[in-house]
Amino acid sequence: MDAAVTPVRRAALVFIFITVLLDILAFGMIIPVLPHLIASFLDGDLSRAAVMHGLFASSFMVMQFVFSPVQGALSDRFGRRPLILLSNLGLGLDFILMAVAQTLPLLFIGRVLSGITSASFSTANAYIADVTPPEKRAAAYGKLGMAFGIGFVLAPAIGGLLGDMSPRLPFWIAAGLSLSNFCYGYFVLPESLPKDRRTPFSWRRANPIASLRFLAHHPEVFALAGVVFLMQMAHIVYPSTFVLYADYRFGWGAKMVGYTLAGVGVLSAIVQGGLISRFIRAFGERKTLLMGLGFGSVGFILYGLAPTGGWFWLAMPIAALWGVSMPAAQALMTRQVDPHEQGRLQGAIVSLSSLAGIFGPTVFTRAFAEVTGRDLHSGWAGVTFWLAAAMLIVAGVMAWRATRPA
């Protein structure tokens, strides 16, 4: 790559980093306030709000599952730039729709549209592959992961503070971020995919089921794929019920929920950023996977038993160590697949995450609705976290069996 191209590539990478960061900030800011906004349309009924929030979350992930491969195929046909810009514009207009929505169905439509327009993260990944030489892609994707981490740490805390002023204010700020991102990209972002490298659009390539079929033809990774699916399912307990659970169990408002989610993000960044490599070097991938699942199981059990918010905070470092398990599982899976099939494997993992996001919210919100419907304030109030712990225990047994030496 010559010197004349290098500044363009750097500017493009900076834009993609900022795009992802602003998108994560926009989405993260509404996490502490969306459940309460839903409840405001239901006369404050937390049981009905929990079920409805689960429907919102599942619908969002259905749109992600369907439209992520569609947007990827469209970007192969028309280029990365128009898809990224349209996503930013669509998100901005959608957040405005949610900010002004005066009925629950209109708010729901806004959430569905946000699932469609936010499906461009795969396009951002493709952009990086277009403009970055192979030997530097890992570092570029690491910076993208940093953007995710920064966004998830800052956004809930900001959203909690703004939500204390007005539950609709975070939506307006999120709209401003997305529309500013569109304007910035319109004037700065160059196209990364030359016309001679584009491919015709094909529904076969844009089929979200195709990536899942890949796993069925590779039984050597099928069991570990089940482990990944259960881990993704367990993680859904945070976005689907934590806000309402903290309100019900501890009497927390949006501000304290935002601080707590930010704390979870900081601990996750510490584990993801510095501890994973040390665990792998000390224990190997198999033991790291099993230990991570063990920490997660214990952490979720302690979450469910916590009688006060202080006890919940004390359990957070234990639960955070669960973060070492997913990279270990992915590393073990890559060893079982040929190098030319690694991309399909990663696509299948993304599909599993989307499926967990579709089914998980309904499972956890209905369990929480049973708790609030029966007015349970004892230890049984934490049944959603116990359910997540059970998923990780089953995942641990599956992982132990799947990774046993022959």
Protein backbone atom coordinates (compact mmCIF):
# COMPACT_ATOMS: atom_id res chain seq x y z
CA MET A 1 0.00 0.00 0.00
CA ASP A 2 1.59 3.24 -1.12
CA ALA A 3 2.02 6.35 0.94
CA ALA A 4 -0.74 8.17 -0.93
CA VAL A 5 -3.32 5.62 0.08
CA THR A 6 -2.25 5.29 3.69
CA PRO A 7 -3.84 8.56 4.96
CA VAL A 8 -7.14 7.58 3.28
CA ARG A 9 -7.04 4.18 4.94
CA ARG A 10 -6.29 5.72 8.31
CA ALA A 11 -9.14 8.23 7.95
CA ALA A 12 -11.49 5.40 6.99
CA LEU A 13 -10.48 3.32 10.02
CA VAL A 14 -10.96 6.31 12.30
CA PHE A 15 -14.43 6.81 10.86
CA ILE A 16 -15.41 3.15 11.33
CA PHE A 17 -14.13 3.28 14.92
CA ILE A 18 -16.17 6.42 15.60
CA THR A 19 -19.20 4.94 13.82
CA VAL A 20 -19.22 1.84 15.99
CA LEU A 21 -18.52 3.84 19.15
CA LEU A 22 -21.38 6.27 18.50
CA ASP A 23 -23.75 3.45 17.57
CA ILE A 24 -22.95 1.57 20.78
CA LEU A 25 -23.35 4.77 22.78
CA ALA A 26 -26.73 5.37 21.15
CA PHE A 27 -27.98 1.86 21.87
CA GLY A 28 -26.47 1.65 25.33
CA MET A 29 -28.02 4.92 26.51
CA ILE A 30 -31.56 3.61 26.07
CA ILE A 31 -30.95 0.34 27.98
CA PRO A 32 -31.67 1.82 31.45
CA VAL A 33 -34.80 3.69 30.31
CA LEU A 34 -36.57 1.54 27.71
CA PRO A 35 -38.14 -0.90 30.23
CA HIS A 36 -39.47 1.99 32.33
CA LEU A 37 -40.81 3.72 29.22
CA ILE A 38 -42.63 0.51 28.30
CA ALA A 39 -44.01 0.26 31.84
CA SER A 40 -45.31 3.83 31.61
CA PHE A 41 -47.66 2.71 28.82
CA LEU A 42 -48.90 -0.16 31.02
CA ASP A 43 -49.78 1.84 34.16
CA GLY A 44 -46.55 0.76 35.86
CA ASP A 45 -47.43 -2.98 35.79
CA LEU A 46 -43.96 -4.61 36.02
CA SER A 47 -45.22 -8.10 35.15
CA ARG A 48 -46.76 -6.96 31.87
CA ALA A 49 -43.81 -4.64 31.24
CA ALA A 50 -41.37 -7.55 31.63
CA VAL A 51 -43.25 -9.67 29.11
CA MET A 52 -43.55 -6.77 26.68
CA HIS A 53 -39.87 -5.91 27.06
CA GLY A 54 -39.06 -9.51 26.20
CA LEU A 55 -41.15 -9.17 23.04
CA PHE A 56 -39.30 -5.95 22.16
CA ALA A 57 -35.91 -7.61 22.66
CA SER A 58 -36.81 -10.78 20.74
CA SER A 59 -38.20 -8.78 17.83
CA PHE A 60 -35.00 -6.71 17.72
CA MET A 61 -32.88 -9.87 17.49
CA VAL A 62 -35.14 -11.43 14.84
CA MET A 63 -34.48 -8.38 12.69
CA GLN A 64 -30.75 -8.71 13.37
CA PHE A 65 -30.82 -12.40 12.48
CA VAL A 66 -32.63 -11.79 9.20
CA PHE A 67 -31.08 -8.53 8.03
CA SER A 68 -27.40 -8.88 9.00
CA PRO A 69 -26.65 -11.27 6.10
CA VAL A 70 -28.97 -9.26 3.84
CA GLN A 71 -27.06 -6.04 4.49
CA GLY A 72 -23.78 -7.88 4.04
CA ALA A 73 -24.88 -9.16 0.62
CA LEU A 74 -26.19 -5.72 -0.36
CA SER A 75 -22.85 -4.15 0.59
CA ASP A 76 -21.10 -6.70 -1.66
CA ARG A 77 -23.34 -5.51 -4.50
CA PHE A 78 -23.56 -1.73 -3.96
CA GLY A 79 -20.51 -1.00 -1.77
CA ARG A 80 -19.97 -0.48 1.96
CA ARG A 81 -20.39 3.30 2.08
CA PRO A 82 -24.08 3.57 1.12
CA LEU A 83 -25.11 0.79 3.52
CA ILE A 84 -23.24 2.31 6.47
CA LEU A 85 -24.60 5.79 5.77
CA LEU A 86 -28.18 4.56 5.32
CA SER A 87 -27.87 2.66 8.58
CA ASN A 88 -26.77 5.77 10.46
CA LEU A 89 -29.54 7.86 8.88
CA GLY A 90 -32.16 5.20 9.56
CA LEU A 91 -31.08 4.84 13.18
CA GLY A 92 -31.26 8.59 13.75
CA LEU A 93 -34.78 8.86 12.33
CA ASP A 94 -35.85 5.75 14.22
CA PHE A 95 -34.65 7.11 17.58
CA ILE A 96 -36.68 10.25 16.89
CA LEU A 97 -39.74 8.07 16.24
CA MET A 98 -39.21 6.29 19.58
CA ALA A 99 -38.67 9.60 21.37
CA VAL A 100 -42.02 11.00 20.23
CA ALA A 101 -44.02 7.74 20.36
CA GLN A 102 -47.18 8.20 22.42
CA THR A 103 -48.46 4.63 22.08
CA LEU A 104 -46.88 1.25 22.81
CA PRO A 105 -47.41 -0.11 19.26
CA LEU A 106 -45.57 2.88 17.79
CA LEU A 107 -42.70 2.37 20.24
CA PHE A 108 -42.62 -1.29 19.21
CA ILE A 109 -42.44 -0.38 15.52
CA GLY A 110 -39.50 1.88 16.33
CA ARG A 111 -37.69 -0.98 18.06
CA VAL A 112 -38.26 -3.29 15.09
CA LEU A 113 -36.91 -0.65 12.70
CA SER A 114 -33.83 -0.16 14.89
CA GLY A 115 -33.13 -3.90 14.62
CA ILE A 116 -33.16 -3.58 10.82
CA THR A 117 -31.08 -0.42 10.55
CA SER A 118 -28.50 -1.49 13.15
CA ALA A 119 -27.65 -4.69 11.30
CA SER A 120 -24.68 -2.99 9.61
CA PHE A 121 -21.98 -4.01 12.10
CA SER A 122 -21.12 -6.85 9.71
CA THR A 123 -20.70 -4.21 6.98
CA ALA A 124 -18.31 -2.30 9.23
CA ASN A 125 -16.26 -5.49 9.67
CA ALA A 126 -16.20 -5.97 5.90
CA TYR A 127 -15.04 -2.36 5.44
CA ILE A 128 -12.06 -3.01 7.71
CA ALA A 129 -11.17 -6.11 5.69
CA ASP A 130 -11.33 -4.03 2.49
CA VAL A 131 -8.97 -1.26 3.62
CA THR A 132 -6.57 -3.16 5.91
CA PRO A 133 -3.80 -5.54 4.79
CA PRO A 134 -4.13 -9.08 6.20
CA GLU A 135 -1.22 -8.73 8.61
CA LYS A 136 -2.85 -5.67 10.25
CA ARG A 137 -6.47 -6.81 10.40
CA ALA A 138 -6.22 -8.35 13.85
CA ALA A 139 -5.06 -5.01 15.30
CA ALA A 140 -7.83 -3.17 13.43
CA TYR A 141 -10.50 -5.54 14.74
CA GLY A 142 -9.01 -5.13 18.20
CA LYS A 143 -9.63 -1.39 17.95
CA LEU A 144 -13.21 -2.14 16.91
CA GLY A 145 -13.58 -4.29 20.01
CA MET A 146 -12.22 -1.38 22.03
CA ALA A 147 -14.99 0.80 20.62
CA PHE A 148 -17.56 -1.74 21.80
CA GLY A 149 -15.99 -1.81 25.25
CA ILE A 150 -15.82 1.96 25.64
CA GLY A 151 -19.40 2.33 24.46
CA PHE A 152 -20.81 -0.29 26.82
CA VAL A 153 -18.96 1.21 29.78
CA LEU A 154 -20.01 4.82 29.18
CA ALA A 155 -23.45 4.48 27.60
CA PRO A 156 -25.50 2.93 30.45
CA ALA A 157 -24.17 5.45 32.96
CA ILE A 158 -24.94 8.35 30.60
CA GLY A 159 -28.36 6.90 29.85
CA GLY A 160 -29.11 6.51 33.53
CA LEU A 161 -28.22 10.15 34.25
CA LEU A 162 -30.27 11.40 31.30
CA GLY A 163 -33.14 9.09 32.17
CA ASP A 164 -33.38 10.66 35.63
CA MET A 165 -34.12 13.96 33.89
CA SER A 166 -36.58 12.51 31.36
CA PRO A 167 -37.11 8.93 30.11
CA ARG A 168 -37.26 10.24 26.53
CA LEU A 169 -34.11 12.37 26.66
CA PRO A 170 -31.71 9.45 25.94
CA PHE A 171 -33.62 8.74 22.72
CA TRP A 172 -33.15 12.34 21.54
CA ILE A 173 -29.42 12.25 22.36
CA ALA A 174 -29.10 8.87 20.61
CA ALA A 175 -30.81 10.36 17.54
CA GLY A 176 -28.39 13.28 17.55
CA LEU A 177 -25.39 10.94 17.72
CA SER A 178 -26.62 8.80 14.82
CA LEU A 179 -27.52 11.76 12.60
CA SER A 180 -24.18 13.45 13.38
CA ASN A 181 -22.51 10.19 12.43
CA PHE A 182 -24.36 10.22 9.09
CA CYS A 183 -23.28 13.80 8.34
CA TYR A 184 -19.68 13.06 9.33
CA GLY A 185 -19.57 9.95 7.14
CA TYR A 186 -21.24 11.66 4.18
CA PHE A 187 -18.37 14.13 3.93
CA VAL A 188 -15.48 11.95 5.18
CA LEU A 189 -16.05 8.26 4.45
CA PRO A 190 -14.65 6.97 1.11
CA GLU A 191 -15.90 3.81 -0.57
CA SER A 192 -13.77 0.76 0.21
CA LEU A 193 -15.05 -1.77 -2.34
CA PRO A 194 -14.08 -1.11 -5.98
CA LYS A 195 -16.77 -1.81 -8.58
CA ASP A 196 -14.72 -4.55 -10.22
CA ARG A 197 -14.75 -6.52 -6.92
CA ARG A 198 -18.49 -6.36 -6.33
CA THR A 199 -20.74 -9.40 -6.70
CA PRO A 200 -24.40 -9.73 -7.73
CA PHE A 201 -26.94 -9.86 -4.93
CA SER A 202 -28.20 -13.39 -4.22
CA TRP A 203 -30.82 -14.44 -1.70
CA ARG A 204 -28.93 -17.70 -1.33
CA ARG A 205 -25.92 -15.78 -0.02
CA ALA A 206 -28.19 -13.60 2.12
CA ASN A 207 -29.92 -16.58 3.75
CA PRO A 208 -29.45 -16.55 7.56
CA ILE A 209 -30.20 -20.28 7.77
CA ALA A 210 -27.22 -21.20 5.60
CA SER A 211 -24.70 -20.39 8.32
CA LEU A 212 -26.49 -22.67 10.79
CA ARG A 213 -26.49 -25.55 8.34
CA PHE A 214 -22.72 -25.31 8.32
CA LEU A 215 -22.59 -26.60 11.91
CA ALA A 216 -24.77 -29.62 11.11
CA HIS A 217 -22.12 -30.76 8.62
CA HIS A 218 -19.33 -30.49 11.21
CA PRO A 219 -20.22 -32.74 14.16
CA GLU A 220 -16.76 -32.18 15.65
CA VAL A 221 -17.78 -28.62 16.56
CA PHE A 222 -21.50 -29.22 17.06
CA ALA A 223 -21.26 -29.86 20.82
CA LEU A 224 -19.12 -26.76 21.37
CA ALA A 225 -21.64 -24.81 19.29
CA GLY A 226 -24.25 -25.91 21.83
CA VAL A 227 -22.01 -24.61 24.60
CA VAL A 228 -21.72 -21.24 22.84
CA PHE A 229 -25.48 -21.08 22.37
CA LEU A 230 -26.13 -21.72 26.09
CA MET A 231 -23.56 -19.09 27.08
CA GLN A 232 -25.23 -16.55 24.80
CA MET A 233 -28.64 -17.49 26.22
CA ALA A 234 -27.40 -17.00 29.79
CA HIS A 235 -25.98 -13.60 28.96
CA ILE A 236 -29.42 -12.41 27.81
CA VAL A 237 -30.51 -12.25 31.48
CA TYR A 238 -28.71 -8.88 31.74
CA PRO A 239 -30.43 -6.87 29.00
CA SER A 240 -33.82 -8.61 29.29
CA THR A 241 -34.58 -8.41 33.02
CA PHE A 242 -31.85 -6.66 35.00
CA VAL A 243 -33.33 -3.16 34.84
CA LEU A 244 -36.75 -4.31 36.06
CA TYR A 245 -35.20 -6.78 38.53
CA ALA A 246 -33.05 -4.09 40.15
CA ASP A 247 -36.10 -1.84 40.48
CA TYR A 248 -38.21 -4.66 41.95
CA ARG A 249 -35.60 -6.20 44.29
CA PHE A 250 -33.43 -3.26 45.32
CA GLY A 251 -35.56 -0.21 44.51
CA TRP A 252 -32.92 1.15 42.15
CA GLY A 253 -33.67 3.96 39.70
CA ALA A 254 -32.22 4.55 36.26
CA LYS A 255 -29.09 6.24 37.65
CA MET A 256 -28.04 3.33 39.89
CA VAL A 257 -28.84 0.81 37.14
CA GLY A 258 -26.64 2.81 34.76
CA TYR A 259 -23.76 2.86 37.25
CA THR A 260 -24.09 -0.89 37.81
CA LEU A 261 -24.11 -1.70 34.10
CA ALA A 262 -21.09 0.54 33.68
CA GLY A 263 -19.39 -1.42 36.47
CA VAL A 264 -20.17 -4.66 34.66
CA GLY A 265 -18.64 -3.13 31.52
CA VAL A 266 -15.45 -2.08 33.34
CA LEU A 267 -14.98 -5.53 34.87
CA SER A 268 -15.63 -7.14 31.50
CA ALA A 269 -13.06 -4.87 29.85
CA ILE A 270 -10.48 -5.86 32.49
CA VAL A 271 -11.13 -9.56 31.93
CA GLN A 272 -11.30 -9.30 28.14
CA GLY A 273 -8.34 -6.98 27.89
CA GLY A 274 -5.83 -8.50 30.28
CA LEU A 275 -6.81 -11.76 31.94
CA ILE A 276 -7.77 -14.03 29.03
CA SER A 277 -4.23 -14.47 27.70
CA ARG A 278 -2.94 -15.17 31.21
CA PHE A 279 -5.59 -17.83 31.80
CA ILE A 280 -4.80 -19.49 28.47
CA ARG A 281 -1.06 -19.52 29.17
CA ALA A 282 -1.54 -20.89 32.69
CA PHE A 283 -4.32 -23.43 32.18
CA GLY A 284 -4.83 -24.04 28.48
CA GLU A 285 -7.98 -23.52 26.45
CA ARG A 286 -9.98 -26.47 27.81
CA LYS A 287 -9.46 -25.67 31.50
CA THR A 288 -10.00 -21.96 30.86
CA LEU A 289 -13.36 -22.73 29.25
CA LEU A 290 -14.45 -24.96 32.14
CA MET A 291 -13.20 -22.52 34.80
CA GLY A 292 -14.94 -19.61 33.13
CA LEU A 293 -18.23 -21.50 33.07
CA GLY A 294 -17.73 -22.35 36.74
CA PHE A 295 -17.14 -18.72 37.69
CA GLY A 296 -20.20 -17.67 35.72
CA SER A 297 -22.41 -20.28 37.38
CA VAL A 298 -21.33 -19.23 40.87
CA GLY A 299 -21.66 -15.55 40.01
CA PHE A 300 -25.23 -15.92 38.76
CA ILE A 301 -26.23 -17.99 41.79
CA LEU A 302 -24.86 -15.25 44.06
CA TYR A 303 -26.73 -12.62 42.01
CA GLY A 304 -29.98 -14.45 42.63
CA LEU A 305 -29.30 -14.81 46.35
CA ALA A 306 -28.15 -11.18 46.89
CA PRO A 307 -30.55 -9.60 49.44
CA THR A 308 -29.27 -6.07 48.81
CA GLY A 309 -27.59 -4.10 46.07
CA GLY A 310 -24.31 -4.18 47.99
CA TRP A 311 -24.22 -7.97 47.94
CA PHE A 312 -24.99 -7.88 44.22
CA TRP A 313 -21.97 -5.62 43.66
CA LEU A 314 -19.74 -8.02 45.62
CA ALA A 315 -20.72 -10.86 43.30
CA MET A 316 -19.89 -8.89 40.14
CA PRO A 317 -16.11 -9.64 40.03
CA ILE A 318 -16.81 -13.37 40.30
CA ALA A 319 -19.39 -13.30 37.52
CA ALA A 320 -17.06 -11.17 35.37
CA LEU A 321 -14.48 -13.98 35.24
CA TRP A 322 -17.00 -15.87 33.13
CA GLY A 323 -15.69 -13.67 30.30
CA VAL A 324 -12.66 -15.95 29.77
CA SER A 325 -14.85 -18.82 28.56
CA MET A 326 -16.12 -17.52 25.22
CA PRO A 327 -12.68 -16.83 23.63
CA ALA A 328 -11.52 -20.24 24.84
CA ALA A 329 -14.56 -21.94 23.26
CA GLN A 330 -14.01 -20.11 19.98
CA ALA A 331 -10.33 -21.05 19.95
CA LEU A 332 -11.20 -24.72 20.50
CA MET A 333 -13.76 -24.60 17.68
CA THR A 334 -11.31 -23.05 15.21
CA ARG A 335 -8.95 -25.97 15.76
CA GLN A 336 -11.59 -28.35 14.38
CA VAL A 337 -12.27 -26.46 11.13
CA ASP A 338 -10.12 -26.07 8.01
CA PRO A 339 -8.55 -22.62 7.44
CA HIS A 340 -10.70 -21.92 4.37
CA GLU A 341 -13.86 -22.49 6.48
CA GLN A 342 -13.01 -20.16 9.36
CA GLY A 343 -15.19 -17.36 7.99
CA ARG A 344 -18.21 -19.65 7.77
CA LEU A 345 -17.55 -20.80 11.33
CA GLN A 346 -17.54 -17.24 12.64
CA GLY A 347 -20.73 -16.53 10.71
CA ALA A 348 -22.36 -19.54 12.35
CA ILE A 349 -21.31 -18.27 15.79
CA VAL A 350 -22.95 -14.91 15.03
CA SER A 351 -26.11 -16.74 13.96
CA LEU A 352 -26.15 -18.65 17.24
CA SER A 353 -25.86 -15.36 19.12
CA SER A 354 -28.83 -13.97 17.20
CA LEU A 355 -30.92 -17.06 17.93
CA ALA A 356 -30.11 -16.75 21.63
CA GLY A 357 -31.19 -13.14 21.43
CA ILE A 358 -34.49 -14.23 19.88
CA PHE A 359 -35.46 -16.89 22.42
CA GLY A 360 -33.61 -15.73 25.55
CA PRO A 361 -35.62 -12.59 26.33
CA THR A 362 -38.92 -14.48 26.28
CA VAL A 363 -37.58 -17.17 28.63
CA PHE A 364 -36.21 -14.72 31.18
CA THR A 365 -38.96 -12.09 31.06
CA ARG A 366 -41.69 -14.69 31.52
CA ALA A 367 -39.82 -16.15 34.47
CA PHE A 368 -39.52 -12.66 35.97
CA ALA A 369 -43.20 -12.02 35.28
CA GLU A 370 -44.02 -15.09 37.41
CA VAL A 371 -41.93 -13.63 40.24
CA THR A 372 -43.64 -10.25 40.18
CA GLY A 373 -47.05 -11.76 39.54
CA ARG A 374 -46.72 -13.82 42.73
CA ASP A 375 -45.20 -10.83 44.60
CA LEU A 376 -42.11 -12.82 45.58
CA HIS A 377 -39.53 -10.67 47.35
CA SER A 378 -37.55 -13.45 49.03
CA GLY A 379 -34.66 -15.35 47.48
CA TRP A 380 -37.04 -16.65 44.83
CA ALA A 381 -37.00 -13.17 43.30
CA GLY A 382 -33.63 -14.07 41.77
CA VAL A 383 -34.95 -17.07 39.84
CA THR A 384 -33.94 -15.54 36.48
CA PHE A 385 -30.27 -15.54 37.54
CA TRP A 386 -30.61 -19.10 38.80
CA LEU A 387 -31.98 -20.05 35.40
CA ALA A 388 -28.93 -18.47 33.77
CA ALA A 389 -26.68 -20.37 36.19
CA ALA A 390 -28.39 -23.63 35.25
CA MET A 391 -27.69 -22.93 31.58
CA LEU A 392 -23.98 -22.44 32.33
CA ILE A 393 -23.86 -25.62 34.43
CA VAL A 394 -25.33 -27.61 31.52
CA ALA A 395 -22.88 -25.87 29.20
CA GLY A 396 -20.04 -26.88 31.51
CA VAL A 397 -21.05 -30.55 31.38
CA MET A 398 -21.31 -30.39 27.59
CA ALA A 399 -17.94 -28.67 27.33
CA TRP A 400 -16.29 -31.23 29.62
CA ARG A 401 -17.60 -34.11 27.51
CA ALA A 402 -16.85 -32.47 24.16
CA THR A 403 -13.24 -31.59 25.01
CA ARG A 404 -12.18 -34.79 26.78
CA PRO A 405 -8.94 -36.25 25.42
CA ALA A 406 -9.62 -39.19 23.12
